[in-house]
Amino acid sequence: MLPCMNKKLFGMECPGCGTQRSVALLSQGEFWEAFKMYPAIYTTIPLFLLIFLHFVDKSRNYTKLIIIFAIVNALVMIFSYFYKQYLTFF
């Protein structure tokens, strides 16, 4: 696994920390563990699939769906980051 430079330099996890481990857990069939590791994994995968379709399938316009999924993904990432950083200490 690649190390998180933000965690190495500043001692804090970044909003994307856990993505690699979550993908590894998904590939092993550990769906709940993958969600606990990185909750945004289930919005990131469809976002990347839509981006891939956008470049492959030129007959359809996926721009609006990509924007919607990107916003939802960003919100899930931010919420889970703050939950992991601040609410798990209480």
PDB file of N, CA and C in Angstrom:
ATOM      1  N   MET A   1       0.831  -1.176   0.000  1.00  0.00           N
ATOM      2  CA  MET A   1       0.000   0.000   0.000  1.00  0.00           C
ATOM      3  C   MET A   1       0.883   1.249   0.000  1.00  0.00           C
ATOM      4  N   LEU A   2       0.426   2.256  -0.710  1.00  0.00           N
ATOM      5  CA  LEU A   2       1.144   3.524  -0.723  1.00  0.00           C
ATOM      6  C   LEU A   2       0.870   4.282   0.571  1.00  0.00           C
ATOM      7  N   PRO A   3       1.873   4.906   1.139  1.00  0.00           N
ATOM      8  CA  PRO A   3       1.655   5.666   2.373  1.00  0.00           C
ATOM      9  C   PRO A   3       0.968   7.003   2.073  1.00  0.00           C
ATOM     10  N   CYS A   4       0.232   7.491   3.036  1.00  0.00           N
ATOM     11  CA  CYS A   4      -0.425   8.793   2.916  1.00  0.00           C
ATOM     12  C   CYS A   4       0.588   9.870   3.308  1.00  0.00           C
ATOM     13  N   MET A   5       0.917  10.731   2.364  1.00  0.00           N
ATOM     14  CA  MET A   5       1.911  11.767   2.640  1.00  0.00           C
ATOM     15  C   MET A   5       1.386  12.789   3.653  1.00  0.00           C
ATOM     16  N   ASN A   6       0.095  13.051   3.626  1.00  0.00           N
ATOM     17  CA  ASN A   6      -0.491  13.985   4.589  1.00  0.00           C
ATOM     18  C   ASN A   6      -0.321  13.459   6.013  1.00  0.00           C
ATOM     19  N   LYS A   7      -0.545  12.175   6.180  1.00  0.00           N
ATOM     20  CA  LYS A   7      -0.413  11.566   7.505  1.00  0.00           C
ATOM     21  C   LYS A   7       1.054  11.536   7.944  1.00  0.00           C
ATOM     22  N   LYS A   8       1.953  11.285   7.001  1.00  0.00           N
ATOM     23  CA  LYS A   8       3.378  11.265   7.344  1.00  0.00           C
ATOM     24  C   LYS A   8       3.888  12.655   7.705  1.00  0.00           C
ATOM     25  N   LEU A   9       3.448  13.664   6.954  1.00  0.00           N
ATOM     26  CA  LEU A   9       3.963  15.016   7.178  1.00  0.00           C
ATOM     27  C   LEU A   9       3.302  15.724   8.349  1.00  0.00           C
ATOM     28  N   PHE A  10       1.986  15.585   8.461  1.00  0.00           N
ATOM     29  CA  PHE A  10       1.237  16.356   9.447  1.00  0.00           C
ATOM     30  C   PHE A  10       0.672  15.531  10.600  1.00  0.00           C
ATOM     31  N   GLY A  11       0.720  14.214  10.481  1.00  0.00           N
ATOM     32  CA  GLY A  11       0.212  13.362  11.540  1.00  0.00           C
ATOM     33  C   GLY A  11      -1.300  13.225  11.562  1.00  0.00           C
ATOM     34  N   MET A  12      -1.979  13.730  10.544  1.00  0.00           N
ATOM     35  CA  MET A  12      -3.442  13.626  10.436  1.00  0.00           C
ATOM     36  C   MET A  12      -3.799  12.915   9.142  1.00  0.00           C
ATOM     37  N   GLU A  13      -4.857  12.140   9.191  1.00  0.00           N
ATOM     38  CA  GLU A  13      -5.332  11.493   7.975  1.00  0.00           C
ATOM     39  C   GLU A  13      -5.951  12.526   7.044  1.00  0.00           C
ATOM     40  N   CYS A  14      -5.870  12.258   5.746  1.00  0.00           N
ATOM     41  CA  CYS A  14      -6.527  13.126   4.767  1.00  0.00           C
ATOM     42  C   CYS A  14      -7.928  12.572   4.484  1.00  0.00           C
ATOM     43  N   PRO A  15      -8.778  13.316   3.795  1.00  0.00           N
ATOM     44  CA  PRO A  15     -10.118  12.807   3.490  1.00  0.00           C
ATOM     45  C   PRO A  15     -10.127  11.549   2.622  1.00  0.00           C
ATOM     46  N   GLY A  16      -9.028  11.246   1.959  1.00  0.00           N
ATOM     47  CA  GLY A  16      -8.972  10.060   1.113  1.00  0.00           C
ATOM     48  C   GLY A  16      -8.310   8.865   1.766  1.00  0.00           C
ATOM     49  N   CYS A  17      -7.879   9.023   3.014  1.00  0.00           N
ATOM     50  CA  CYS A  17      -7.214   7.910   3.702  1.00  0.00           C
ATOM     51  C   CYS A  17      -8.181   6.741   3.867  1.00  0.00           C
ATOM     52  N   GLY A  18      -7.710   5.576   3.539  1.00  0.00           N
ATOM     53  CA  GLY A  18      -8.519   4.375   3.644  1.00  0.00           C
ATOM     54  C   GLY A  18      -9.027   3.877   2.312  1.00  0.00           C
ATOM     55  N   THR A  19      -8.805   4.644   1.241  1.00  0.00           N
ATOM     56  CA  THR A  19      -9.314   4.243  -0.068  1.00  0.00           C
ATOM     57  C   THR A  19      -8.667   2.946  -0.539  1.00  0.00           C
ATOM     58  N   GLN A  20      -7.349   2.859  -0.455  1.00  0.00           N
ATOM     59  CA  GLN A  20      -6.658   1.654  -0.923  1.00  0.00           C
ATOM     60  C   GLN A  20      -7.074   0.422  -0.121  1.00  0.00           C
ATOM     61  N   ARG A  21      -7.133   0.575   1.180  1.00  0.00           N
ATOM     62  CA  ARG A  21      -7.516  -0.567   2.018  1.00  0.00           C
ATOM     63  C   ARG A  21      -8.965  -0.952   1.767  1.00  0.00           C
ATOM     64  N   SER A  22      -9.816   0.042   1.498  1.00  0.00           N
ATOM     65  CA  SER A  22     -11.215  -0.231   1.223  1.00  0.00           C
ATOM     66  C   SER A  22     -11.379  -1.010  -0.093  1.00  0.00           C
ATOM     67  N   VAL A  23     -10.626  -0.619  -1.104  1.00  0.00           N
ATOM     68  CA  VAL A  23     -10.676  -1.347  -2.379  1.00  0.00           C
ATOM     69  C   VAL A  23     -10.166  -2.772  -2.188  1.00  0.00           C
ATOM     70  N   ALA A  24      -9.110  -2.929  -1.398  1.00  0.00           N
ATOM     71  CA  ALA A  24      -8.594  -4.275  -1.120  1.00  0.00           C
ATOM     72  C   ALA A  24      -9.637  -5.115  -0.392  1.00  0.00           C
ATOM     73  N   LEU A  25     -10.331  -4.515   0.569  1.00  0.00           N
ATOM     74  CA  LEU A  25     -11.376  -5.246   1.298  1.00  0.00           C
ATOM     75  C   LEU A  25     -12.542  -5.603   0.378  1.00  0.00           C
ATOM     76  N   LEU A  26     -12.900  -4.687  -0.530  1.00  0.00           N
ATOM     77  CA  LEU A  26     -13.967  -4.985  -1.494  1.00  0.00           C
ATOM     78  C   LEU A  26     -13.581  -6.160  -2.387  1.00  0.00           C
ATOM     79  N   SER A  27     -12.337  -6.190  -2.808  1.00  0.00           N
ATOM     80  CA  SER A  27     -11.906  -7.291  -3.682  1.00  0.00           C
ATOM     81  C   SER A  27     -11.913  -8.629  -2.952  1.00  0.00           C
ATOM     82  N   GLN A  28     -11.857  -8.605  -1.631  1.00  0.00           N
ATOM     83  CA  GLN A  28     -11.920  -9.832  -0.840  1.00  0.00           C
ATOM     84  C   GLN A  28     -13.350 -10.173  -0.417  1.00  0.00           C
ATOM     85  N   GLY A  29     -14.311  -9.321  -0.787  1.00  0.00           N
ATOM     86  CA  GLY A  29     -15.704  -9.573  -0.452  1.00  0.00           C
ATOM     87  C   GLY A  29     -16.118  -9.052   0.911  1.00  0.00           C
ATOM     88  N   GLU A  30     -15.296  -8.272   1.547  1.00  0.00           N
ATOM     89  CA  GLU A  30     -15.592  -7.695   2.865  1.00  0.00           C
ATOM     90  C   GLU A  30     -16.283  -6.347   2.682  1.00  0.00           C
ATOM     91  N   PHE A  31     -17.564  -6.360   2.347  1.00  0.00           N
ATOM     92  CA  PHE A  31     -18.282  -5.145   1.992  1.00  0.00           C
ATOM     93  C   PHE A  31     -18.497  -4.219   3.187  1.00  0.00           C
ATOM     94  N   TRP A  32     -18.861  -4.754   4.325  1.00  0.00           N
ATOM     95  CA  TRP A  32     -19.092  -3.923   5.506  1.00  0.00           C
ATOM     96  C   TRP A  32     -17.785  -3.349   6.030  1.00  0.00           C
ATOM     97  N   GLU A  33     -16.742  -4.155   6.030  1.00  0.00           N
ATOM     98  CA  GLU A  33     -15.432  -3.683   6.480  1.00  0.00           C
ATOM     99  C   GLU A  33     -14.908  -2.582   5.547  1.00  0.00           C
ATOM    100  N   ALA A  34     -15.168  -2.724   4.255  1.00  0.00           N
ATOM    101  CA  ALA A  34     -14.759  -1.693   3.295  1.00  0.00           C
ATOM    102  C   ALA A  34     -15.493  -0.387   3.573  1.00  0.00           C
ATOM    103  N   PHE A  35     -16.768  -0.483   3.899  1.00  0.00           N
ATOM    104  CA  PHE A  35     -17.534   0.717   4.223  1.00  0.00           C
ATOM    105  C   PHE A  35     -17.015   1.369   5.497  1.00  0.00           C
ATOM    106  N   LYS A  36     -16.697   0.567   6.504  1.00  0.00           N
ATOM    107  CA  LYS A  36     -16.180   1.129   7.751  1.00  0.00           C
ATOM    108  C   LYS A  36     -14.810   1.774   7.541  1.00  0.00           C
ATOM    109  N   MET A  37     -14.026   1.226   6.654  1.00  0.00           N
ATOM    110  CA  MET A  37     -12.700   1.773   6.390  1.00  0.00           C
ATOM    111  C   MET A  37     -12.793   3.103   5.646  1.00  0.00           C
ATOM    112  N   TYR A  38     -13.666   3.168   4.639  1.00  0.00           N
ATOM    113  CA  TYR A  38     -13.798   4.371   3.811  1.00  0.00           C
ATOM    114  C   TYR A  38     -15.223   4.422   3.256  1.00  0.00           C
ATOM    115  N   PRO A  39     -16.132   5.117   3.939  1.00  0.00           N
ATOM    116  CA  PRO A  39     -17.543   5.116   3.529  1.00  0.00           C
ATOM    117  C   PRO A  39     -17.802   5.642   2.117  1.00  0.00           C
ATOM    118  N   ALA A  40     -16.943   6.490   1.608  1.00  0.00           N
ATOM    119  CA  ALA A  40     -17.179   7.058   0.281  1.00  0.00           C
ATOM    120  C   ALA A  40     -16.841   6.094  -0.849  1.00  0.00           C
ATOM    121  N   ILE A  41     -16.423   4.882  -0.532  1.00  0.00           N
ATOM    122  CA  ILE A  41     -16.072   3.920  -1.575  1.00  0.00           C
ATOM    123  C   ILE A  41     -17.287   3.595  -2.448  1.00  0.00           C
ATOM    124  N   TYR A  42     -18.461   3.589  -1.846  1.00  0.00           N
ATOM    125  CA  TYR A  42     -19.665   3.225  -2.602  1.00  0.00           C
ATOM    126  C   TYR A  42     -20.224   4.385  -3.415  1.00  0.00           C
ATOM    127  N   THR A  43     -19.680   5.567  -3.276  1.00  0.00           N
ATOM    128  CA  THR A  43     -20.012   6.664  -4.193  1.00  0.00           C
ATOM    129  C   THR A  43     -18.855   6.935  -5.144  1.00  0.00           C
ATOM    130  N   THR A  44     -17.658   6.528  -4.782  1.00  0.00           N
ATOM    131  CA  THR A  44     -16.493   6.740  -5.635  1.00  0.00           C
ATOM    132  C   THR A  44     -16.504   5.789  -6.829  1.00  0.00           C
ATOM    133  N   ILE A  45     -16.868   4.555  -6.600  1.00  0.00           N
ATOM    134  CA  ILE A  45     -16.868   3.572  -7.686  1.00  0.00           C
ATOM    135  C   ILE A  45     -17.846   3.958  -8.799  1.00  0.00           C
ATOM    136  N   PRO A  46     -19.116   4.299  -8.489  1.00  0.00           N
ATOM    137  CA  PRO A  46     -20.003   4.728  -9.581  1.00  0.00           C
ATOM    138  C   PRO A  46     -19.526   6.020 -10.259  1.00  0.00           C
ATOM    139  N   LEU A  47     -18.897   6.909  -9.496  1.00  0.00           N
ATOM    140  CA  LEU A  47     -18.370   8.138 -10.096  1.00  0.00           C
ATOM    141  C   LEU A  47     -17.304   7.805 -11.136  1.00  0.00           C
ATOM    142  N   PHE A  48     -16.375   6.930 -10.801  1.00  0.00           N
ATOM    143  CA  PHE A  48     -15.341   6.554 -11.757  1.00  0.00           C
ATOM    144  C   PHE A  48     -15.915   5.781 -12.942  1.00  0.00           C
ATOM    145  N   LEU A  49     -16.947   4.973 -12.705  1.00  0.00           N
ATOM    146  CA  LEU A  49     -17.599   4.285 -13.825  1.00  0.00           C
ATOM    147  C   LEU A  49     -18.270   5.274 -14.774  1.00  0.00           C
ATOM    148  N   LEU A  50     -18.901   6.293 -14.216  1.00  0.00           N
ATOM    149  CA  LEU A  50     -19.524   7.317 -15.063  1.00  0.00           C
ATOM    150  C   LEU A  50     -18.476   8.109 -15.838  1.00  0.00           C
ATOM    151  N   ILE A  51     -17.367   8.423 -15.215  1.00  0.00           N
ATOM    152  CA  ILE A  51     -16.291   9.128 -15.920  1.00  0.00           C
ATOM    153  C   ILE A  51     -15.743   8.267 -17.046  1.00  0.00           C
ATOM    154  N   PHE A  52     -15.580   6.976 -16.780  1.00  0.00           N
ATOM    155  CA  PHE A  52     -15.129   6.052 -17.816  1.00  0.00           C
ATOM    156  C   PHE A  52     -16.135   6.009 -18.976  1.00  0.00           C
ATOM    157  N   LEU A  53     -17.421   5.897 -18.659  1.00  0.00           N
ATOM    158  CA  LEU A  53     -18.452   5.884 -19.705  1.00  0.00           C
ATOM    159  C   LEU A  53     -18.468   7.184 -20.496  1.00  0.00           C
ATOM    160  N   HIS A  54     -18.217   8.278 -19.828  1.00  0.00           N
ATOM    161  CA  HIS A  54     -18.199   9.584 -20.489  1.00  0.00           C
ATOM    162  C   HIS A  54     -17.135   9.626 -21.597  1.00  0.00           C
ATOM    163  N   PHE A  55     -15.995   8.994 -21.353  1.00  0.00           N
ATOM    164  CA  PHE A  55     -14.932   8.990 -22.347  1.00  0.00           C
ATOM    165  C   PHE A  55     -15.123   7.910 -23.404  1.00  0.00           C
ATOM    166  N   VAL A  56     -15.782   6.811 -23.054  1.00  0.00           N
ATOM    167  CA  VAL A  56     -15.939   5.703 -23.994  1.00  0.00           C
ATOM    168  C   VAL A  56     -17.186   5.883 -24.866  1.00  0.00           C
ATOM    169  N   ASP A  57     -18.315   6.207 -24.250  1.00  0.00           N
ATOM    170  CA  ASP A  57     -19.595   6.312 -24.959  1.00  0.00           C
ATOM    171  C   ASP A  57     -19.854   7.772 -25.321  1.00  0.00           C
ATOM    172  N   LYS A  58     -19.483   8.144 -26.529  1.00  0.00           N
ATOM    173  CA  LYS A  58     -19.641   9.540 -26.963  1.00  0.00           C
ATOM    174  C   LYS A  58     -21.070   9.860 -27.412  1.00  0.00           C
ATOM    175  N   SER A  59     -21.933   8.848 -27.522  1.00  0.00           N
ATOM    176  CA  SER A  59     -23.290   9.097 -27.992  1.00  0.00           C
ATOM    177  C   SER A  59     -24.200   9.668 -26.901  1.00  0.00           C
ATOM    178  N   ARG A  60     -23.798   9.545 -25.638  1.00  0.00           N
ATOM    179  CA  ARG A  60     -24.605  10.059 -24.525  1.00  0.00           C
ATOM    180  C   ARG A  60     -23.811  11.099 -23.747  1.00  0.00           C
ATOM    181  N   ASN A  61     -24.554  11.962 -23.077  1.00  0.00           N
ATOM    182  CA  ASN A  61     -23.932  12.997 -22.271  1.00  0.00           C
ATOM    183  C   ASN A  61     -24.089  12.635 -20.792  1.00  0.00           C
ATOM    184  N   TYR A  62     -22.982  12.368 -20.133  1.00  0.00           N
ATOM    185  CA  TYR A  62     -22.985  11.962 -18.732  1.00  0.00           C
ATOM    186  C   TYR A  62     -22.592  13.104 -17.794  1.00  0.00           C
ATOM    187  N   THR A  63     -22.491  14.311 -18.313  1.00  0.00           N
ATOM    188  CA  THR A  63     -21.972  15.427 -17.526  1.00  0.00           C
ATOM    189  C   THR A  63     -22.797  15.703 -16.281  1.00  0.00           C
ATOM    190  N   LYS A  64     -24.112  15.747 -16.404  1.00  0.00           N
ATOM    191  CA  LYS A  64     -24.955  16.044 -15.244  1.00  0.00           C
ATOM    192  C   LYS A  64     -24.842  14.951 -14.176  1.00  0.00           C
ATOM    193  N   LEU A  65     -24.832  13.696 -14.600  1.00  0.00           N
ATOM    194  CA  LEU A  65     -24.679  12.591 -13.642  1.00  0.00           C
ATOM    195  C   LEU A  65     -23.323  12.640 -12.950  1.00  0.00           C
ATOM    196  N   ILE A  66     -22.286  12.977 -13.704  1.00  0.00           N
ATOM    197  CA  ILE A  66     -20.951  13.068 -13.107  1.00  0.00           C
ATOM    198  C   ILE A  66     -20.914  14.172 -12.068  1.00  0.00           C
ATOM    199  N   ILE A  67     -21.519  15.308 -12.367  1.00  0.00           N
ATOM    200  CA  ILE A  67     -21.545  16.420 -11.409  1.00  0.00           C
ATOM    201  C   ILE A  67     -22.313  16.027 -10.153  1.00  0.00           C
ATOM    202  N   ILE A  68     -23.463  15.378 -10.322  1.00  0.00           N
ATOM    203  CA  ILE A  68     -24.266  14.957  -9.167  1.00  0.00           C
ATOM    204  C   ILE A  68     -23.489  13.957  -8.310  1.00  0.00           C
ATOM    205  N   PHE A  69     -22.896  12.944  -8.950  1.00  0.00           N
ATOM    206  CA  PHE A  69     -22.136  11.948  -8.192  1.00  0.00           C
ATOM    207  C   PHE A  69     -20.894  12.556  -7.546  1.00  0.00           C
ATOM    208  N   ALA A  70     -20.272  13.531  -8.206  1.00  0.00           N
ATOM    209  CA  ALA A  70     -19.093  14.183  -7.620  1.00  0.00           C
ATOM    210  C   ALA A  70     -19.483  14.974  -6.375  1.00  0.00           C
ATOM    211  N   ILE A  71     -20.615  15.655  -6.416  1.00  0.00           N
ATOM    212  CA  ILE A  71     -21.081  16.407  -5.244  1.00  0.00           C
ATOM    213  C   ILE A  71     -21.435  15.461  -4.106  1.00  0.00           C
ATOM    214  N   VAL A  72     -22.166  14.398  -4.412  1.00  0.00           N
ATOM    215  CA  VAL A  72     -22.530  13.424  -3.383  1.00  0.00           C
ATOM    216  C   VAL A  72     -21.276  12.775  -2.806  1.00  0.00           C
ATOM    217  N   ASN A  73     -20.335  12.430  -3.671  1.00  0.00           N
ATOM    218  CA  ASN A  73     -19.093  11.815  -3.212  1.00  0.00           C
ATOM    219  C   ASN A  73     -18.314  12.770  -2.308  1.00  0.00           C
ATOM    220  N   ALA A  74     -18.232  14.031  -2.686  1.00  0.00           N
ATOM    221  CA  ALA A  74     -17.522  15.015  -1.863  1.00  0.00           C
ATOM    222  C   ALA A  74     -18.200  15.183  -0.504  1.00  0.00           C
ATOM    223  N   LEU A  75     -19.515  15.221  -0.488  1.00  0.00           N
ATOM    224  CA  LEU A  75     -20.231  15.345   0.783  1.00  0.00           C
ATOM    225  C   LEU A  75     -20.007  14.137   1.685  1.00  0.00           C
ATOM    226  N   VAL A  76     -20.049  12.954   1.107  1.00  0.00           N
ATOM    227  CA  VAL A  76     -19.808  11.739   1.898  1.00  0.00           C
ATOM    228  C   VAL A  76     -18.377  11.724   2.420  1.00  0.00           C
ATOM    229  N   MET A  77     -17.424  12.120   1.573  1.00  0.00           N
ATOM    230  CA  MET A  77     -16.025  12.165   2.002  1.00  0.00           C
ATOM    231  C   MET A  77     -15.827  13.152   3.155  1.00  0.00           C
ATOM    232  N   ILE A  78     -16.401  14.335   3.032  1.00  0.00           N
ATOM    233  CA  ILE A  78     -16.234  15.361   4.065  1.00  0.00           C
ATOM    234  C   ILE A  78     -16.906  14.934   5.362  1.00  0.00           C
ATOM    235  N   PHE A  79     -18.132  14.427   5.270  1.00  0.00           N
ATOM    236  CA  PHE A  79     -18.836  14.002   6.472  1.00  0.00           C
ATOM    237  C   PHE A  79     -18.088  12.862   7.161  1.00  0.00           C
ATOM    238  N   SER A  80     -17.662  11.858   6.398  1.00  0.00           N
ATOM    239  CA  SER A  80     -16.975  10.725   7.019  1.00  0.00           C
ATOM    240  C   SER A  80     -15.621  11.136   7.572  1.00  0.00           C
ATOM    241  N   TYR A  81     -14.940  12.094   6.931  1.00  0.00           N
ATOM    242  CA  TYR A  81     -13.663  12.586   7.444  1.00  0.00           C
ATOM    243  C   TYR A  81     -13.845  13.255   8.795  1.00  0.00           C
ATOM    244  N   PHE A  82     -14.816  14.157   8.893  1.00  0.00           N
ATOM    245  CA  PHE A  82     -15.053  14.842  10.160  1.00  0.00           C
ATOM    246  C   PHE A  82     -15.575  13.880  11.223  1.00  0.00           C
ATOM    247  N   TYR A  83     -16.366  12.918  10.825  1.00  0.00           N
ATOM    248  CA  TYR A  83     -16.834  11.914  11.781  1.00  0.00           C
ATOM    249  C   TYR A  83     -15.661  11.118  12.336  1.00  0.00           C
ATOM    250  N   LYS A  84     -14.790  10.671  11.430  1.00  0.00           N
ATOM    251  CA  LYS A  84     -13.647   9.867  11.849  1.00  0.00           C
ATOM    252  C   LYS A  84     -12.668  10.678  12.717  1.00  0.00           C
ATOM    253  N   GLN A  85     -12.461  11.940  12.365  1.00  0.00           N
ATOM    254  CA  GLN A  85     -11.480  12.758  13.068  1.00  0.00           C
ATOM    255  C   GLN A  85     -11.978  13.291  14.408  1.00  0.00           C
ATOM    256  N   TYR A  86     -13.228  13.736  14.452  1.00  0.00           N
ATOM    257  CA  TYR A  86     -13.681  14.484  15.606  1.00  0.00           C
ATOM    258  C   TYR A  86     -14.728  13.787  16.457  1.00  0.00           C
ATOM    259  N   LEU A  87     -15.612  13.023  15.855  1.00  0.00           N
ATOM    260  CA  LEU A  87     -16.698  12.433  16.626  1.00  0.00           C
ATOM    261  C   LEU A  87     -16.343  11.076  17.234  1.00  0.00           C
ATOM    262  N   THR A  88     -15.303  10.425  16.728  1.00  0.00           N
ATOM    263  CA  THR A  88     -14.950   9.140  17.299  1.00  0.00           C
ATOM    264  C   THR A  88     -14.139   9.281  18.584  1.00  0.00           C
ATOM    265  N   PHE A  89     -13.685  10.482  18.895  1.00  0.00           N
ATOM    266  CA  PHE A  89     -12.930  10.708  20.128  1.00  0.00           C
ATOM    267  C   PHE A  89     -13.829  10.877  21.329  1.00  0.00           C
ATOM    268  N   PHE A  90     -15.086  11.169  21.117  1.00  0.00           N
ATOM    269  CA  PHE A  90     -15.995  11.421  22.236  1.00  0.00           C
ATOM    270  C   PHE A  90     -16.643  10.159  22.734  1.00  0.00           C
TER     271      PHE A  90
END
